[in-house]
Amino acid sequence: MSEQERRPESDGRDFADAAWSVPSYLLSGILVWGGLGWLLSRWTGVYAFIPIGVIVGVVLAGYLVYWKYCR
């Protein structure tokens, strides 16, 4: 492995990027899908869409984290 391919200073940055990306994905999934659930709940009057949206957001964000970092 050449010196350009392996730089020790980038290893810490990769971990830090992942450490900030994972909670960001989870939080944005909750906010976006929960917000869509809230809008749908306001529009239809059925308030079950808020927790459904939050759960869908967590599941999709978790899948995105798995797909990006664990494959």
Protein backbone atom coordinates (compact mmCIF):
# COMPACT_ATOMS: atom_id res chain seq x y z
CA MET A 1 0.00 0.00 0.00
CA SER A 2 1.49 3.32 -0.95
CA GLU A 3 1.83 6.30 1.35
CA GLN A 4 -0.84 8.24 -0.53
CA GLU A 5 -3.45 5.50 -0.13
CA ARG A 6 -3.00 5.18 3.62
CA ARG A 7 -2.94 8.37 5.62
CA PRO A 8 -3.36 8.00 9.39
CA GLU A 9 -4.83 11.46 9.83
CA SER A 10 -7.79 10.58 7.61
CA ASP A 11 -8.73 7.56 9.75
CA GLY A 12 -9.84 9.73 12.64
CA ARG A 13 -11.73 12.02 10.34
CA ASP A 14 -13.62 9.10 8.81
CA PHE A 15 -14.72 7.99 12.27
CA ALA A 16 -15.69 11.54 13.23
CA ASP A 17 -17.68 11.92 10.01
CA ALA A 18 -19.57 8.72 10.75
CA ALA A 19 -20.09 9.72 14.37
CA TRP A 20 -21.79 12.93 13.25
CA SER A 21 -23.61 11.43 10.26
CA VAL A 22 -25.45 8.66 12.08
CA PRO A 23 -27.32 10.87 14.59
CA SER A 24 -27.92 13.43 11.85
CA TYR A 25 -29.56 10.81 9.62
CA LEU A 26 -31.71 9.56 12.50
CA LEU A 27 -32.78 13.03 13.59
CA SER A 28 -33.55 14.20 10.07
CA GLY A 29 -35.54 11.01 9.38
CA ILE A 30 -37.63 11.61 12.49
CA LEU A 31 -38.17 15.28 11.66
CA VAL A 32 -38.97 14.83 7.97
CA TRP A 33 -41.23 11.79 8.21
CA GLY A 34 -42.74 12.91 11.51
CA GLY A 35 -43.44 16.29 9.91
CA LEU A 36 -45.11 14.62 6.97
CA GLY A 37 -47.15 12.55 9.41
CA TRP A 38 -48.09 15.71 11.27
CA LEU A 39 -49.19 17.41 8.04
CA LEU A 40 -51.20 14.37 7.04
CA SER A 41 -52.76 14.27 10.50
CA ARG A 42 -53.72 17.93 10.27
CA TRP A 43 -55.21 17.39 6.85
CA THR A 44 -57.20 14.23 7.65
CA GLY A 45 -57.86 14.68 11.37
CA VAL A 46 -56.46 11.20 12.14
CA TYR A 47 -53.68 11.71 14.65
CA ALA A 48 -52.24 8.20 14.25
CA PHE A 49 -50.14 9.43 11.31
CA ILE A 50 -47.68 11.28 13.58
CA PRO A 51 -46.27 8.20 15.35
CA ILE A 52 -46.44 6.23 12.10
CA GLY A 53 -44.37 8.92 10.39
CA VAL A 54 -41.82 8.96 13.22
CA ILE A 55 -41.47 5.17 13.12
CA VAL A 56 -41.13 5.17 9.32
CA GLY A 57 -38.47 7.89 9.62
CA VAL A 58 -36.45 5.92 12.17
CA VAL A 59 -36.66 2.72 10.13
CA LEU A 60 -35.67 4.39 6.86
CA ALA A 61 -32.85 6.35 8.51
CA GLY A 62 -31.60 3.19 10.18
CA TYR A 63 -31.62 1.39 6.86
CA LEU A 64 -29.71 4.28 5.28
CA VAL A 65 -27.09 4.15 8.04
CA TYR A 66 -26.78 0.38 7.62
CA TRP A 67 -26.49 0.69 3.83
CA LYS A 68 -23.87 3.42 4.04
CA TYR A 69 -21.64 2.25 6.91
CA CYS A 70 -22.23 -1.46 7.55
CA ARG A 71 -22.24 -3.05 4.10
